[in-house]
Structure formats: C-alpha cells, structure tokens
Amino acid sequence: MIQFLRGLFFTDVWLKLFSLTLAFLIWVAVTFAIQQNKATFPTGAALPASERVFPKVPVTIMSSAEDVRAFTVEPKEIEVTVQGMANTLQSLKPTDIHVTVDLSDAAASHLTSKRVEISVPAGVSHVRVFPAEVHIMFPSGR
C-alpha cells in the first residue's frame, strides 16, 4: 500500500508539476478574461430596453385546409407593444410582427372569441397586446 502511494506521488514528478502549473495559468487567464468582459460589456439585465407601440397590426386567420368557410374576426387590427434594443426597434416595421388567430379547431368548439398569438423577430419581445382576444364571426349558414 505504501509502495502504491509513493509511486502515485513521486513517479513523474516533473510532469505532474508542469500539468499543475499549466492548469493554474489557464485558470488565471480565464478569470482575467471574464473580469475584462464584465468591465467592457454590461450583462443582459443591465442593457437599456425601449418599448414601441404598433397601433394597427392586422390579424391573420389560420384555419384548417378542409374548412373553406370565410371566417372574419373583430377587430381586424390590434395594438401590439414590443420591447427590445432601441436600434432594433427603430428598424422594426409593422409587417415584421405577425398576429394570428388559429381557427383550425373553431368549427368543432364553436368558440365566439379566441386569443391571438404574437410572433416577433429575434431580439424583440411582445409586452402587451390590446385586445388579447378577438371575436370570431362565423359565416351565415353555420
């Protein structure tokens, strides 16, 4: 047992010391790089975010391919408030925001209102939607 421990610690001592020194230097370099990045780049939570309101975003209706009825929704346009970096929001157009209502199950459930689903580009998040639901107008002959 003592022979095993002696061999474990004293065999290839220079190689073990070199490995330990190299590991320490890598740790110091990584720690230094992390500290430098914290000083020059703020974290995501500290970045200033702006809001922008798009007052008239059209609602797109999605229904199943078998359902050929002409659904309509009221209101046809809704107000969407988005949040993101100021330069991203400046270049954002109303056509980049997609508001959809999925009516593929509306025929079976005969819902009269449905929540809208919002899709925005990367780097942008939607904060508020008004109204959050739209009323479904079924065609005559329902």
N, C-alpha and C. Protein backbone atom coordinates (compact mmCIF):
# COMPACT_ATOMS: atom_id res chain seq x y z
N MET A 1 0.82 -1.19 0.00
CA MET A 1 0.00 0.00 0.00
C MET A 1 0.87 1.26 0.00
N ILE A 2 1.92 1.27 0.83
CA ILE A 2 2.81 2.41 0.89
C ILE A 2 3.57 2.56 -0.42
N GLN A 3 3.97 1.44 -1.02
CA GLN A 3 4.64 1.48 -2.32
C GLN A 3 3.74 2.13 -3.37
N PHE A 4 2.44 1.77 -3.33
CA PHE A 4 1.48 2.33 -4.29
C PHE A 4 1.37 3.86 -4.12
N LEU A 5 1.24 4.34 -2.87
CA LEU A 5 1.14 5.77 -2.62
C LEU A 5 2.42 6.51 -2.99
N ARG A 6 3.56 5.90 -2.69
CA ARG A 6 4.83 6.51 -3.03
C ARG A 6 4.96 6.62 -4.56
N GLY A 7 4.57 5.60 -5.27
CA GLY A 7 4.61 5.63 -6.74
C GLY A 7 3.62 6.64 -7.30
N LEU A 8 2.48 6.78 -6.65
CA LEU A 8 1.47 7.72 -7.11
C LEU A 8 1.96 9.16 -7.02
N PHE A 9 2.66 9.50 -5.97
CA PHE A 9 3.11 10.88 -5.78
C PHE A 9 4.50 11.17 -6.36
N PHE A 10 5.39 10.23 -6.35
CA PHE A 10 6.77 10.52 -6.72
C PHE A 10 7.18 10.05 -8.11
N THR A 11 6.33 9.36 -8.81
CA THR A 11 6.64 8.96 -10.18
C THR A 11 6.24 10.11 -11.11
N ASP A 12 7.14 10.46 -12.02
CA ASP A 12 6.91 11.55 -12.98
C ASP A 12 6.55 12.85 -12.28
N VAL A 13 7.32 13.24 -11.29
CA VAL A 13 7.04 14.44 -10.52
C VAL A 13 7.07 15.68 -11.40
N TRP A 14 8.06 15.78 -12.29
CA TRP A 14 8.17 16.98 -13.13
C TRP A 14 6.99 17.12 -14.07
N LEU A 15 6.50 16.03 -14.58
CA LEU A 15 5.33 16.06 -15.46
C LEU A 15 4.10 16.50 -14.69
N LYS A 16 3.95 16.03 -13.48
CA LYS A 16 2.81 16.42 -12.64
C LYS A 16 2.89 17.89 -12.25
N LEU A 17 4.08 18.38 -11.92
CA LEU A 17 4.23 19.80 -11.59
C LEU A 17 3.96 20.69 -12.80
N PHE A 18 4.41 20.25 -13.97
CA PHE A 18 4.14 21.00 -15.20
C PHE A 18 2.63 21.07 -15.47
N SER A 19 1.93 19.97 -15.31
CA SER A 19 0.48 19.94 -15.53
C SER A 19 -0.24 20.84 -14.54
N LEU A 20 0.17 20.81 -13.29
CA LEU A 20 -0.44 21.65 -12.27
C LEU A 20 -0.19 23.14 -12.56
N THR A 21 1.01 23.49 -12.98
CA THR A 21 1.33 24.88 -13.33
C THR A 21 0.53 25.34 -14.54
N LEU A 22 0.43 24.50 -15.55
CA LEU A 22 -0.33 24.83 -16.75
C LEU A 22 -1.81 25.03 -16.41
N ALA A 23 -2.38 24.17 -15.58
CA ALA A 23 -3.77 24.32 -15.17
C ALA A 23 -4.00 25.63 -14.43
N PHE A 24 -3.06 26.00 -13.57
CA PHE A 24 -3.16 27.25 -12.82
C PHE A 24 -3.10 28.45 -13.77
N LEU A 25 -2.21 28.43 -14.74
CA LEU A 25 -2.10 29.54 -15.69
C LEU A 25 -3.35 29.67 -16.55
N ILE A 26 -3.93 28.57 -16.95
CA ILE A 26 -5.18 28.62 -17.71
C ILE A 26 -6.29 29.21 -16.86
N TRP A 27 -6.36 28.81 -15.60
CA TRP A 27 -7.38 29.35 -14.69
C TRP A 27 -7.21 30.86 -14.52
N VAL A 28 -5.98 31.33 -14.37
CA VAL A 28 -5.73 32.77 -14.22
C VAL A 28 -6.13 33.51 -15.49
N ALA A 29 -5.81 32.96 -16.65
CA ALA A 29 -6.15 33.62 -17.93
C ALA A 29 -7.66 33.72 -18.11
N VAL A 30 -8.39 32.66 -17.81
CA VAL A 30 -9.85 32.67 -17.95
C VAL A 30 -10.47 33.65 -16.97
N THR A 31 -10.00 33.66 -15.73
CA THR A 31 -10.52 34.60 -14.73
C THR A 31 -10.27 36.04 -15.16
N PHE A 32 -9.09 36.32 -15.68
CA PHE A 32 -8.76 37.66 -16.14
C PHE A 32 -9.66 38.07 -17.32
N ALA A 33 -9.88 37.16 -18.26
CA ALA A 33 -10.73 37.46 -19.42
C ALA A 33 -12.17 37.72 -18.99
N ILE A 34 -12.66 36.97 -18.03
CA ILE A 34 -14.02 37.20 -17.54
C ILE A 34 -14.13 38.57 -16.88
N GLN A 35 -13.15 38.93 -16.08
CA GLN A 35 -13.16 40.24 -15.43
C GLN A 35 -13.10 41.37 -16.46
N GLN A 36 -12.32 41.22 -17.52
CA GLN A 36 -12.23 42.24 -18.56
C GLN A 36 -13.56 42.39 -19.28
N ASN A 37 -14.24 41.29 -19.58
CA ASN A 37 -15.53 41.35 -20.28
C ASN A 37 -16.60 41.99 -19.41
N LYS A 38 -16.58 41.77 -18.12
CA LYS A 38 -17.56 42.40 -17.24
C LYS A 38 -17.38 43.90 -17.23
N ALA A 39 -16.15 44.36 -17.35
CA ALA A 39 -15.90 45.79 -17.31
C ALA A 39 -16.32 46.47 -18.61
N THR A 40 -16.18 45.80 -19.76
CA THR A 40 -16.47 46.45 -21.03
C THR A 40 -17.87 46.15 -21.55
N PHE A 41 -18.42 44.98 -21.25
CA PHE A 41 -19.74 44.62 -21.75
C PHE A 41 -20.69 44.40 -20.59
N PRO A 42 -21.74 45.22 -20.47
CA PRO A 42 -22.69 45.00 -19.38
C PRO A 42 -23.49 43.73 -19.60
N THR A 43 -24.04 43.20 -18.55
CA THR A 43 -24.85 41.98 -18.65
C THR A 43 -26.16 42.31 -19.33
N GLY A 44 -26.86 41.28 -19.78
CA GLY A 44 -28.13 41.46 -20.46
C GLY A 44 -29.17 42.16 -19.63
N ALA A 45 -29.15 41.98 -18.32
CA ALA A 45 -30.14 42.61 -17.45
C ALA A 45 -29.92 44.10 -17.34
N ALA A 46 -28.70 44.57 -17.54
CA ALA A 46 -28.40 45.98 -17.38
C ALA A 46 -28.53 46.76 -18.68
N LEU A 47 -28.78 46.07 -19.81
CA LEU A 47 -28.89 46.77 -21.07
C LEU A 47 -30.20 47.57 -21.11
N PRO A 48 -30.14 48.81 -21.59
CA PRO A 48 -31.36 49.60 -21.64
C PRO A 48 -32.29 49.08 -22.73
N ALA A 49 -33.54 48.86 -22.37
CA ALA A 49 -34.53 48.37 -23.32
C ALA A 49 -35.55 49.46 -23.56
N SER A 50 -36.02 49.54 -24.79
CA SER A 50 -37.02 50.52 -25.16
C SER A 50 -38.30 49.80 -25.53
N GLU A 51 -39.39 50.54 -25.50
CA GLU A 51 -40.68 50.00 -25.93
C GLU A 51 -41.17 50.79 -27.13
N ARG A 52 -41.91 50.12 -27.98
CA ARG A 52 -42.52 50.77 -29.14
C ARG A 52 -43.90 50.18 -29.34
N VAL A 53 -44.85 51.04 -29.66
CA VAL A 53 -46.24 50.61 -29.84
C VAL A 53 -46.56 50.63 -31.33
N PHE A 54 -47.13 49.52 -31.79
CA PHE A 54 -47.63 49.43 -33.16
C PHE A 54 -49.15 49.38 -33.05
N PRO A 55 -49.85 50.48 -33.40
CA PRO A 55 -51.28 50.57 -33.11
C PRO A 55 -52.18 49.75 -34.02
N LYS A 56 -51.80 49.48 -35.24
CA LYS A 56 -52.70 48.80 -36.17
C LYS A 56 -51.99 47.65 -36.87
N VAL A 57 -51.84 46.53 -36.17
CA VAL A 57 -51.23 45.34 -36.75
C VAL A 57 -52.37 44.42 -37.19
N PRO A 58 -52.42 44.04 -38.46
CA PRO A 58 -53.53 43.21 -38.95
C PRO A 58 -53.49 41.79 -38.36
N VAL A 59 -54.68 41.24 -38.15
CA VAL A 59 -54.83 39.89 -37.62
C VAL A 59 -54.99 38.92 -38.78
N THR A 60 -54.17 37.89 -38.81
CA THR A 60 -54.24 36.86 -39.84
C THR A 60 -55.00 35.66 -39.29
N ILE A 61 -55.92 35.13 -40.08
CA ILE A 61 -56.73 33.99 -39.65
C ILE A 61 -56.14 32.72 -40.24
N MET A 62 -55.93 31.73 -39.36
CA MET A 62 -55.47 30.41 -39.81
C MET A 62 -56.58 29.41 -39.54
N SER A 63 -56.97 28.67 -40.57
CA SER A 63 -57.98 27.63 -40.39
C SER A 63 -57.51 26.37 -41.11
N SER A 64 -58.19 25.28 -40.85
CA SER A 64 -57.78 24.02 -41.48
C SER A 64 -58.06 24.07 -42.97
N ALA A 65 -57.36 23.26 -43.73
CA ALA A 65 -57.49 23.25 -45.18
C ALA A 65 -58.87 22.75 -45.62
N GLU A 66 -59.51 21.90 -44.81
CA GLU A 66 -60.82 21.37 -45.16
C GLU A 66 -61.92 22.40 -44.97
N ASP A 67 -61.70 23.37 -44.10
CA ASP A 67 -62.71 24.36 -43.78
C ASP A 67 -62.59 25.52 -44.76
N VAL A 68 -63.54 25.63 -45.67
CA VAL A 68 -63.48 26.66 -46.70
C VAL A 68 -64.37 27.86 -46.37
N ARG A 69 -64.95 27.86 -45.18
CA ARG A 69 -65.80 28.99 -44.80
C ARG A 69 -64.95 30.25 -44.63
N ALA A 70 -65.56 31.38 -44.81
CA ALA A 70 -64.86 32.66 -44.73
C ALA A 70 -65.07 33.25 -43.33
N PHE A 71 -64.21 32.85 -42.40
CA PHE A 71 -64.27 33.43 -41.06
C PHE A 71 -63.83 34.88 -41.11
N THR A 72 -64.38 35.68 -40.22
CA THR A 72 -63.88 37.03 -40.02
C THR A 72 -63.71 37.23 -38.52
N VAL A 73 -62.85 38.15 -38.16
CA VAL A 73 -62.62 38.44 -36.75
C VAL A 73 -62.83 39.93 -36.52
N GLU A 74 -63.21 40.27 -35.32
CA GLU A 74 -63.40 41.66 -34.93
C GLU A 74 -62.66 41.90 -33.64
N PRO A 75 -61.75 42.79 -33.53
CA PRO A 75 -61.30 43.75 -34.54
C PRO A 75 -60.34 43.10 -35.52
N LYS A 76 -60.21 43.70 -36.66
CA LYS A 76 -59.32 43.19 -37.71
C LYS A 76 -57.86 43.60 -37.47
N GLU A 77 -57.65 44.64 -36.67
CA GLU A 77 -56.31 45.12 -36.34
C GLU A 77 -56.23 45.31 -34.83
N ILE A 78 -55.05 45.00 -34.26
CA ILE A 78 -54.87 45.16 -32.82
C ILE A 78 -53.61 45.97 -32.54
N GLU A 79 -53.48 46.40 -31.29
CA GLU A 79 -52.32 47.17 -30.86
C GLU A 79 -51.34 46.25 -30.16
N VAL A 80 -50.07 46.30 -30.59
CA VAL A 80 -49.03 45.46 -30.02
C VAL A 80 -47.91 46.35 -29.51
N THR A 81 -47.51 46.15 -28.26
CA THR A 81 -46.37 46.86 -27.68
C THR A 81 -45.22 45.88 -27.58
N VAL A 82 -44.07 46.26 -28.15
CA VAL A 82 -42.90 45.39 -28.15
C VAL A 82 -41.77 46.06 -27.39
N GLN A 83 -40.80 45.25 -26.96
CA GLN A 83 -39.67 45.74 -26.19
C GLN A 83 -38.39 45.15 -26.77
N GLY A 84 -37.33 45.95 -26.78
CA GLY A 84 -36.04 45.48 -27.27
C GLY A 84 -35.05 46.63 -27.28
N MET A 85 -33.90 46.39 -27.88
CA MET A 85 -32.88 47.42 -28.01
C MET A 85 -33.40 48.53 -28.93
N ALA A 86 -33.03 49.77 -28.63
CA ALA A 86 -33.55 50.93 -29.36
C ALA A 86 -33.24 50.84 -30.85
N ASN A 87 -32.01 50.44 -31.21
CA ASN A 87 -31.66 50.37 -32.64
C ASN A 87 -32.44 49.27 -33.35
N THR A 88 -32.75 48.19 -32.66
CA THR A 88 -33.55 47.12 -33.26
C THR A 88 -34.97 47.58 -33.48
N LEU A 89 -35.53 48.30 -32.49
CA LEU A 89 -36.91 48.76 -32.60
C LEU A 89 -37.07 49.84 -33.67
N GLN A 90 -36.03 50.64 -33.90
CA GLN A 90 -36.11 51.67 -34.94
C GLN A 90 -36.26 51.06 -36.32
N SER A 91 -35.59 49.94 -36.54
CA SER A 91 -35.65 49.31 -37.86
C SER A 91 -36.83 48.34 -38.00
N LEU A 92 -37.58 48.14 -36.92
CA LEU A 92 -38.71 47.21 -36.94
C LEU A 92 -39.90 47.83 -37.67
N LYS A 93 -40.51 47.06 -38.56
CA LYS A 93 -41.68 47.51 -39.31
C LYS A 93 -42.90 46.75 -38.82
N PRO A 94 -44.09 47.31 -38.99
CA PRO A 94 -45.31 46.58 -38.58
C PRO A 94 -45.46 45.23 -39.29
N THR A 95 -44.91 45.10 -40.48
CA THR A 95 -45.01 43.82 -41.20
C THR A 95 -44.10 42.75 -40.61
N ASP A 96 -43.17 43.15 -39.72
CA ASP A 96 -42.30 42.17 -39.06
C ASP A 96 -43.01 41.49 -37.89
N ILE A 97 -44.11 42.04 -37.45
CA ILE A 97 -44.89 41.48 -36.34
C ILE A 97 -46.07 40.72 -36.94
N HIS A 98 -46.22 39.48 -36.55
CA HIS A 98 -47.30 38.65 -37.08
C HIS A 98 -48.28 38.31 -35.97
N VAL A 99 -49.53 38.68 -36.18
CA VAL A 99 -50.61 38.38 -35.23
C VAL A 99 -51.53 37.38 -35.91
N THR A 100 -51.68 36.21 -35.30
CA THR A 100 -52.51 35.16 -35.89
C THR A 100 -53.56 34.68 -34.91
N VAL A 101 -54.64 34.17 -35.47
CA VAL A 101 -55.69 33.51 -34.70
C VAL A 101 -55.86 32.14 -35.34
N ASP A 102 -55.69 31.11 -34.55
CA ASP A 102 -55.79 29.74 -35.05
C ASP A 102 -57.23 29.27 -34.90
N LEU A 103 -57.92 29.15 -36.04
CA LEU A 103 -59.32 28.72 -36.04
C LEU A 103 -59.46 27.29 -36.56
N SER A 104 -58.40 26.51 -36.53
CA SER A 104 -58.48 25.14 -37.03
C SER A 104 -59.40 24.28 -36.16
N ASP A 105 -59.58 24.66 -34.88
CA ASP A 105 -60.50 23.92 -34.01
C ASP A 105 -61.78 24.68 -33.73
N ALA A 106 -62.00 25.81 -34.40
CA ALA A 106 -63.17 26.64 -34.12
C ALA A 106 -64.46 25.99 -34.58
N ALA A 107 -64.41 25.22 -35.65
CA ALA A 107 -65.63 24.60 -36.15
C ALA A 107 -66.16 23.57 -35.17
N ALA A 108 -65.25 22.86 -34.52
CA ALA A 108 -65.68 21.82 -33.58
C ALA A 108 -66.17 22.42 -32.27
N SER A 109 -65.56 23.49 -31.82
CA SER A 109 -65.91 24.02 -30.50
C SER A 109 -66.88 25.19 -30.56
N HIS A 110 -67.08 25.80 -31.72
CA HIS A 110 -67.96 26.96 -31.89
C HIS A 110 -67.63 28.06 -30.90
N LEU A 111 -66.37 28.40 -30.82
CA LEU A 111 -65.94 29.48 -29.94
C LEU A 111 -66.40 30.81 -30.52
N THR A 112 -66.70 31.75 -29.66
CA THR A 112 -67.06 33.07 -30.14
C THR A 112 -65.91 34.05 -30.01
N SER A 113 -64.90 33.71 -29.20
CA SER A 113 -63.70 34.54 -29.12
C SER A 113 -62.49 33.64 -28.95
N LYS A 114 -61.36 34.17 -29.36
CA LYS A 114 -60.13 33.36 -29.34
C LYS A 114 -58.95 34.28 -29.07
N ARG A 115 -57.96 33.78 -28.32
CA ARG A 115 -56.74 34.54 -28.04
C ARG A 115 -55.88 34.66 -29.29
N VAL A 116 -55.22 35.79 -29.41
CA VAL A 116 -54.31 35.99 -30.54
C VAL A 116 -52.92 35.50 -30.16
N GLU A 117 -52.17 35.09 -31.16
CA GLU A 117 -50.80 34.64 -30.97
C GLU A 117 -49.89 35.64 -31.68
N ILE A 118 -48.83 36.06 -30.97
CA ILE A 118 -47.93 37.08 -31.49
C ILE A 118 -46.59 36.44 -31.84
N SER A 119 -46.06 36.79 -33.01
CA SER A 119 -44.74 36.34 -33.44
C SER A 119 -43.92 37.57 -33.78
N VAL A 120 -42.77 37.72 -33.10
CA VAL A 120 -41.90 38.87 -33.32
C VAL A 120 -40.50 38.38 -33.68
N PRO A 121 -39.69 39.23 -34.31
CA PRO A 121 -38.33 38.83 -34.68
C PRO A 121 -37.45 38.59 -33.46
N ALA A 122 -36.31 37.97 -33.68
CA ALA A 122 -35.35 37.71 -32.61
C ALA A 122 -34.84 39.03 -32.05
N GLY A 123 -34.64 39.07 -30.74
CA GLY A 123 -34.16 40.28 -30.09
C GLY A 123 -35.27 41.21 -29.66
N VAL A 124 -36.51 40.85 -29.97
CA VAL A 124 -37.67 41.66 -29.63
C VAL A 124 -38.66 40.76 -28.90
N SER A 125 -39.33 41.30 -27.89
CA SER A 125 -40.36 40.54 -27.20
C SER A 125 -41.61 41.39 -27.11
N HIS A 126 -42.77 40.72 -27.17
CA HIS A 126 -44.00 41.49 -27.06
C HIS A 126 -44.36 41.65 -25.58
N VAL A 127 -44.77 42.86 -25.22
CA VAL A 127 -45.05 43.19 -23.83
C VAL A 127 -46.55 43.18 -23.58
N ARG A 128 -47.29 43.88 -24.45
CA ARG A 128 -48.74 43.98 -24.29
C ARG A 128 -49.42 43.80 -25.64
N VAL A 129 -50.64 43.28 -25.57
CA VAL A 129 -51.48 43.14 -26.75
C VAL A 129 -52.87 43.63 -26.35
N PHE A 130 -53.42 44.54 -27.17
CA PHE A 130 -54.77 45.01 -26.87
C PHE A 130 -55.59 45.02 -28.14
N PRO A 131 -56.67 44.34 -28.18
CA PRO A 131 -57.19 43.39 -27.19
C PRO A 131 -56.47 42.05 -27.32
N ALA A 132 -56.49 41.29 -26.24
CA ALA A 132 -55.81 39.99 -26.23
C ALA A 132 -56.63 38.92 -26.94
N GLU A 133 -57.92 39.15 -27.08
CA GLU A 133 -58.80 38.21 -27.77
C GLU A 133 -59.56 38.93 -28.86
N VAL A 134 -59.89 38.18 -29.91
CA VAL A 134 -60.74 38.71 -30.97
C VAL A 134 -62.01 37.90 -31.03
N HIS A 135 -63.08 38.53 -31.49
CA HIS A 135 -64.35 37.83 -31.63
C HIS A 135 -64.44 37.22 -33.01
N ILE A 136 -64.90 35.99 -33.07
CA ILE A 136 -64.98 35.26 -34.32
C ILE A 136 -66.38 35.44 -34.89
N MET A 137 -66.43 35.84 -36.15
CA MET A 137 -67.70 35.96 -36.86
C MET A 137 -67.82 34.78 -37.82
N PHE A 138 -68.75 33.88 -37.54
CA PHE A 138 -68.94 32.72 -38.40
C PHE A 138 -69.76 33.16 -39.61
N PRO A 139 -69.51 32.55 -40.76
CA PRO A 139 -70.32 32.90 -41.94
C PRO A 139 -71.75 32.42 -41.74
N SER A 140 -72.68 33.08 -42.42
CA SER A 140 -74.08 32.64 -42.31
C SER A 140 -74.17 31.23 -42.86
N GLY A 141 -75.02 30.43 -42.26
CA GLY A 141 -75.11 29.01 -42.63
C GLY A 141 -74.26 28.16 -41.71
N ARG A 142 -73.99 28.66 -40.54
CA ARG A 142 -73.20 27.96 -39.54
C ARG A 142 -73.98 26.80 -39.08
